Protein backbone atom coordinates (compact mmCIF):
# COMPACT_ATOMS: atom_id res chain seq x y z
CA MET A 1 72.63 67.21 116.45
CA ASP A 2 69.55 66.06 118.37
CA VAL A 3 71.74 64.56 121.11
CA VAL A 4 73.60 67.86 121.56
CA TYR A 5 70.25 69.69 121.84
CA LEU A 6 69.03 67.16 124.40
CA ILE A 7 72.19 67.49 126.50
CA SER A 8 72.11 71.29 126.36
CA PHE A 9 68.41 71.31 127.29
CA SER A 10 68.94 68.98 130.27
CA LEU A 11 71.92 71.07 131.40
CA LEU A 12 69.85 74.26 131.11
CA SER A 13 66.95 72.77 133.08
CA PHE A 14 69.36 71.51 135.76
CA LEU A 15 71.01 74.93 135.96
CA SER A 16 67.65 76.72 136.23
CA SER A 17 66.49 74.36 138.98
CA ALA A 18 69.78 74.87 140.84
CA VAL A 19 69.40 78.67 140.61
CA LEU A 20 65.78 78.40 141.75
CA SER A 21 66.74 76.30 144.77
CA LEU A 22 69.57 78.73 145.54
CA TYR A 23 67.15 81.69 145.52
CA ALA A 24 64.73 79.64 147.65
CA MET A 25 67.45 78.92 150.23
CA LYS A 26 68.73 82.53 150.18
CA PRO A 27 66.18 83.90 152.71
CA TYR A 28 66.97 81.07 155.13
CA SER A 29 70.74 81.54 154.80
CA PHE A 30 70.31 85.31 155.19
CA LEU A 31 68.14 84.75 158.27
CA SER A 32 70.67 82.39 159.85
CA LEU A 33 73.46 84.83 158.98
CA THR A 34 71.68 87.74 160.69
CA THR A 35 70.84 85.62 163.74
CA TYR A 36 74.40 84.27 163.92
CA ARG A 37 76.09 87.67 163.58
CA PRO A 38 74.87 89.17 166.91
CA THR A 39 76.06 86.10 168.82
CA ASN A 40 79.41 86.36 167.05
CA ASN A 41 79.68 90.04 168.02
CA SER A 42 78.76 89.28 171.63
CA THR A 43 81.44 86.59 171.85
CA ALA A 44 83.97 88.97 170.30
CA LYS A 45 83.05 91.64 172.87
CA LYS A 46 83.44 89.06 175.66
CA ASP A 47 86.90 88.17 174.40
CA GLN A 48 87.84 91.86 174.33
CA ASP A 49 86.52 92.36 177.87
CA GLU A 50 88.52 89.40 179.15
CA SER A 51 91.75 90.54 177.52
């Protein structure tokens, strides 16, 4: 029973740390996404102009 509690506790702590790191990386990924989107739109407009 103690082993099951230990495993569940370690899994919970690992999950919480993973979620925390995900939330920490979210602003950076959102920032890169917003900075990448305009360039993607500009390239799409260029392709439309060429065609």
